[in-house]
Amino acid sequence: MPDIVYFSDIRCISNLKYLKCRSIVYLRNNVCIIRELQIAMAETQRLEKYLKASEDNAKTLSLRTISLESQLADREVELHRVEMEYHSQM
């Protein structure tokens, strides 16, 4: 298996999907673009989107937790009030 395969035209790469190598490098306008780098950058972008979504979910869950804790505190106060009223009537 070759480490790097060079192509002068990107269209050649799409025709050779079966080619197994570590890196596919092609030249375009005298600029060398490394396919592995493109894949890594795409994966980085995907992971950054996933991280952003996770952070947003964490914020939402945190706000929901605060809301539920507040509701619980209100209900505990009301329960205590009802218990005190019940005991005063006995």
N, C-alpha and C. Protein backbone atom coordinates (compact mmCIF):
# COMPACT_ATOMS: atom_id res chain seq x y z
N MET A 1 0.85 -1.17 0.00
CA MET A 1 0.00 0.00 0.00
C MET A 1 0.90 1.24 0.00
N PRO A 2 0.71 2.12 -0.96
CA PRO A 2 1.54 3.33 -1.00
C PRO A 2 1.14 4.31 0.10
N ASP A 3 2.12 5.07 0.57
CA ASP A 3 1.83 6.08 1.59
C ASP A 3 1.08 7.26 1.00
N ILE A 4 1.52 7.73 -0.16
CA ILE A 4 0.91 8.90 -0.79
C ILE A 4 0.77 8.63 -2.27
N VAL A 5 -0.35 9.01 -2.81
CA VAL A 5 -0.58 8.91 -4.24
C VAL A 5 -0.85 10.32 -4.74
N TYR A 6 -0.16 10.75 -5.79
CA TYR A 6 -0.32 12.09 -6.33
C TYR A 6 -1.15 12.06 -7.60
N PHE A 7 -2.01 13.04 -7.75
CA PHE A 7 -2.81 13.20 -8.96
C PHE A 7 -2.72 14.65 -9.41
N SER A 8 -2.76 14.86 -10.69
CA SER A 8 -2.73 16.24 -11.19
C SER A 8 -4.14 16.80 -11.35
N ASP A 9 -5.12 15.93 -11.35
CA ASP A 9 -6.50 16.38 -11.55
C ASP A 9 -7.39 15.70 -10.53
N ILE A 10 -8.21 16.47 -9.84
CA ILE A 10 -9.07 15.93 -8.79
C ILE A 10 -10.06 14.90 -9.35
N ARG A 11 -10.41 15.01 -10.62
CA ARG A 11 -11.35 14.05 -11.21
C ARG A 11 -10.78 12.63 -11.21
N CYS A 12 -9.49 12.51 -11.23
CA CYS A 12 -8.87 11.19 -11.20
C CYS A 12 -9.16 10.48 -9.89
N ILE A 13 -9.20 11.24 -8.80
CA ILE A 13 -9.41 10.65 -7.49
C ILE A 13 -10.79 10.03 -7.39
N SER A 14 -11.80 10.74 -7.86
CA SER A 14 -13.16 10.21 -7.75
C SER A 14 -13.32 8.92 -8.53
N ASN A 15 -12.54 8.73 -9.57
CA ASN A 15 -12.60 7.50 -10.35
C ASN A 15 -11.84 6.34 -9.70
N LEU A 16 -11.04 6.64 -8.69
CA LEU A 16 -10.22 5.61 -8.05
C LEU A 16 -10.58 5.45 -6.58
N LYS A 17 -11.86 5.34 -6.28
CA LYS A 17 -12.31 5.20 -4.90
C LYS A 17 -11.78 3.93 -4.25
N TYR A 18 -11.51 2.95 -5.07
CA TYR A 18 -11.02 1.68 -4.55
C TYR A 18 -9.57 1.73 -4.13
N LEU A 19 -8.85 2.78 -4.52
CA LEU A 19 -7.42 2.90 -4.21
C LEU A 19 -7.23 3.03 -2.71
N LYS A 20 -6.37 2.21 -2.17
CA LYS A 20 -6.11 2.25 -0.74
C LYS A 20 -4.72 2.85 -0.50
N CYS A 21 -4.70 3.98 0.17
CA CYS A 21 -3.44 4.60 0.54
C CYS A 21 -3.70 5.50 1.74
N ARG A 22 -2.65 5.92 2.40
CA ARG A 22 -2.80 6.73 3.60
C ARG A 22 -3.21 8.16 3.28
N SER A 23 -2.68 8.70 2.22
CA SER A 23 -2.99 10.08 1.85
C SER A 23 -3.17 10.16 0.35
N ILE A 24 -4.14 10.94 -0.05
CA ILE A 24 -4.31 11.24 -1.46
C ILE A 24 -3.99 12.73 -1.61
N VAL A 25 -3.04 13.04 -2.45
CA VAL A 25 -2.62 14.42 -2.65
C VAL A 25 -2.84 14.75 -4.11
N TYR A 26 -3.45 15.91 -4.36
CA TYR A 26 -3.59 16.32 -5.74
C TYR A 26 -3.15 17.77 -5.88
N LEU A 27 -2.69 18.10 -7.07
CA LEU A 27 -2.19 19.44 -7.34
C LEU A 27 -3.22 20.21 -8.13
N ARG A 28 -3.48 21.44 -7.69
CA ARG A 28 -4.44 22.28 -8.40
C ARG A 28 -3.90 23.71 -8.32
N ASN A 29 -3.67 24.29 -9.49
CA ASN A 29 -3.11 25.64 -9.56
C ASN A 29 -1.83 25.75 -8.73
N ASN A 30 -1.00 24.73 -8.82
CA ASN A 30 0.28 24.67 -8.11
C ASN A 30 0.13 24.72 -6.59
N VAL A 31 -1.03 24.37 -6.09
CA VAL A 31 -1.25 24.30 -4.64
C VAL A 31 -1.50 22.86 -4.29
N CYS A 32 -0.80 22.35 -3.32
CA CYS A 32 -0.96 20.96 -2.89
C CYS A 32 -2.02 20.89 -1.80
N ILE A 33 -3.06 20.14 -2.04
CA ILE A 33 -4.13 19.97 -1.07
C ILE A 33 -4.11 18.53 -0.60
N ILE A 34 -4.06 18.32 0.69
CA ILE A 34 -3.97 16.97 1.24
C ILE A 34 -5.36 16.52 1.67
N ARG A 35 -5.80 15.41 1.14
CA ARG A 35 -7.14 14.89 1.40
C ARG A 35 -7.35 14.58 2.89
N GLU A 36 -6.34 14.06 3.55
CA GLU A 36 -6.47 13.77 4.97
C GLU A 36 -6.78 15.03 5.76
N LEU A 37 -6.16 16.13 5.39
CA LEU A 37 -6.40 17.40 6.07
C LEU A 37 -7.85 17.84 5.85
N GLN A 38 -8.35 17.67 4.65
CA GLN A 38 -9.74 18.02 4.37
C GLN A 38 -10.69 17.18 5.22
N ILE A 39 -10.40 15.90 5.33
CA ILE A 39 -11.23 15.00 6.14
C ILE A 39 -11.16 15.40 7.60
N ALA A 40 -9.95 15.69 8.08
CA ALA A 40 -9.79 16.10 9.48
C ALA A 40 -10.52 17.40 9.76
N MET A 41 -10.47 18.34 8.84
CA MET A 41 -11.16 19.61 9.02
C MET A 41 -12.68 19.41 9.04
N ALA A 42 -13.17 18.54 8.18
CA ALA A 42 -14.61 18.25 8.16
C ALA A 42 -15.03 17.60 9.47
N GLU A 43 -14.21 16.69 9.96
CA GLU A 43 -14.50 16.03 11.24
C GLU A 43 -14.46 17.04 12.39
N THR A 44 -13.51 17.96 12.35
CA THR A 44 -13.42 19.00 13.37
C THR A 44 -14.68 19.86 13.37
N GLN A 45 -15.14 20.24 12.20
CA GLN A 45 -16.36 21.04 12.10
C GLN A 45 -17.55 20.27 12.64
N ARG A 46 -17.63 18.99 12.31
CA ARG A 46 -18.74 18.17 12.80
C ARG A 46 -18.71 18.08 14.33
N LEU A 47 -17.52 17.87 14.89
CA LEU A 47 -17.40 17.77 16.33
C LEU A 47 -17.67 19.11 17.03
N GLU A 48 -17.28 20.22 16.38
CA GLU A 48 -17.58 21.54 16.95
C GLU A 48 -19.09 21.78 16.99
N LYS A 49 -19.80 21.38 15.94
CA LYS A 49 -21.26 21.50 15.94
C LYS A 49 -21.87 20.64 17.04
N TYR A 50 -21.35 19.43 17.20
CA TYR A 50 -21.83 18.53 18.24
C TYR A 50 -21.59 19.11 19.63
N LEU A 51 -20.39 19.69 19.82
CA LEU A 51 -20.06 20.33 21.09
C LEU A 51 -20.99 21.49 21.38
N LYS A 52 -21.25 22.33 20.38
CA LYS A 52 -22.15 23.47 20.55
C LYS A 52 -23.54 23.00 20.93
N ALA A 53 -24.03 21.97 20.26
CA ALA A 53 -25.36 21.43 20.58
C ALA A 53 -25.37 20.87 22.00
N SER A 54 -24.29 20.20 22.41
CA SER A 54 -24.21 19.66 23.77
C SER A 54 -24.20 20.77 24.80
N GLU A 55 -23.45 21.85 24.51
CA GLU A 55 -23.42 22.99 25.43
C GLU A 55 -24.80 23.63 25.55
N ASP A 56 -25.49 23.77 24.42
CA ASP A 56 -26.85 24.33 24.45
C ASP A 56 -27.79 23.44 25.26
N ASN A 57 -27.66 22.14 25.09
CA ASN A 57 -28.49 21.21 25.86
C ASN A 57 -28.19 21.31 27.35
N ALA A 58 -26.92 21.47 27.69
CA ALA A 58 -26.53 21.59 29.09
C ALA A 58 -27.14 22.85 29.71
N LYS A 59 -27.12 23.96 28.97
CA LYS A 59 -27.71 25.20 29.46
C LYS A 59 -29.21 25.02 29.66
N THR A 60 -29.87 24.40 28.70
CA THR A 60 -31.32 24.17 28.80
C THR A 60 -31.64 23.30 30.00
N LEU A 61 -30.89 22.23 30.18
CA LEU A 61 -31.12 21.33 31.32
C LEU A 61 -30.85 22.03 32.65
N SER A 62 -29.84 22.89 32.68
CA SER A 62 -29.53 23.62 33.90
C SER A 62 -30.69 24.56 34.27
N LEU A 63 -31.21 25.27 33.28
CA LEU A 63 -32.36 26.17 33.54
C LEU A 63 -33.58 25.37 33.97
N ARG A 64 -33.79 24.23 33.36
CA ARG A 64 -34.94 23.38 33.73
C ARG A 64 -34.79 22.87 35.16
N THR A 65 -33.57 22.50 35.54
CA THR A 65 -33.31 22.04 36.90
C THR A 65 -33.61 23.14 37.91
N ILE A 66 -33.17 24.35 37.61
CA ILE A 66 -33.44 25.48 38.50
C ILE A 66 -34.94 25.71 38.64
N SER A 67 -35.64 25.62 37.53
CA SER A 67 -37.10 25.81 37.56
C SER A 67 -37.77 24.73 38.41
N LEU A 68 -37.38 23.49 38.23
CA LEU A 68 -37.98 22.39 39.00
C LEU A 68 -37.65 22.50 40.49
N GLU A 69 -36.43 22.92 40.80
CA GLU A 69 -36.06 23.10 42.21
C GLU A 69 -36.90 24.20 42.85
N SER A 70 -37.15 25.25 42.09
CA SER A 70 -37.99 26.34 42.59
C SER A 70 -39.42 25.86 42.82
N GLN A 71 -39.95 25.10 41.88
CA GLN A 71 -41.30 24.55 42.04
C GLN A 71 -41.37 23.64 43.27
N LEU A 72 -40.35 22.81 43.45
CA LEU A 72 -40.31 21.91 44.60
C LEU A 72 -40.30 22.71 45.90
N ALA A 73 -39.50 23.75 45.97
CA ALA A 73 -39.44 24.59 47.18
C ALA A 73 -40.80 25.22 47.46
N ASP A 74 -41.47 25.71 46.41
CA ASP A 74 -42.80 26.30 46.58
C ASP A 74 -43.79 25.27 47.11
N ARG A 75 -43.73 24.07 46.59
CA ARG A 75 -44.65 23.01 47.03
C ARG A 75 -44.36 22.58 48.46
N GLU A 76 -43.08 22.55 48.83
CA GLU A 76 -42.73 22.19 50.20
C GLU A 76 -43.25 23.25 51.18
N VAL A 77 -43.15 24.50 50.81
CA VAL A 77 -43.68 25.59 51.65
C VAL A 77 -45.20 25.44 51.79
N GLU A 78 -45.87 25.17 50.68
CA GLU A 78 -47.33 25.01 50.72
C GLU A 78 -47.72 23.79 51.56
N LEU A 79 -46.99 22.70 51.42
CA LEU A 79 -47.25 21.50 52.23
C LEU A 79 -47.08 21.82 53.72
N HIS A 80 -46.03 22.51 54.04
CA HIS A 80 -45.79 22.88 55.44
C HIS A 80 -46.95 23.75 55.96
N ARG A 81 -47.41 24.69 55.14
CA ARG A 81 -48.54 25.53 55.53
C ARG A 81 -49.79 24.71 55.78
N VAL A 82 -50.07 23.76 54.89
CA VAL A 82 -51.26 22.90 55.04
C VAL A 82 -51.12 22.04 56.29
N GLU A 83 -49.95 21.49 56.54
CA GLU A 83 -49.73 20.67 57.74
C GLU A 83 -49.95 21.50 59.01
N MET A 84 -49.44 22.73 59.01
CA MET A 84 -49.62 23.60 60.18
C MET A 84 -51.10 23.91 60.40
N GLU A 85 -51.81 24.16 59.31
CA GLU A 85 -53.25 24.44 59.42
C GLU A 85 -54.00 23.22 59.92
N TYR A 86 -53.64 22.05 59.42
CA TYR A 86 -54.29 20.81 59.87
C TYR A 86 -54.07 20.59 61.37
N HIS A 87 -52.81 20.75 61.79
CA HIS A 87 -52.49 20.52 63.21
C HIS A 87 -53.17 21.57 64.12
N SER A 88 -53.37 22.76 63.63
CA SER A 88 -54.02 23.79 64.44
C SER A 88 -55.51 23.52 64.62
N GLN A 89 -56.11 22.77 63.69
CA GLN A 89 -57.53 22.45 63.78
C GLN A 89 -57.80 21.23 64.65
N MET A 90 -56.76 20.49 64.97
CA MET A 90 -56.96 19.30 65.81
C MET A 90 -57.04 19.64 67.22
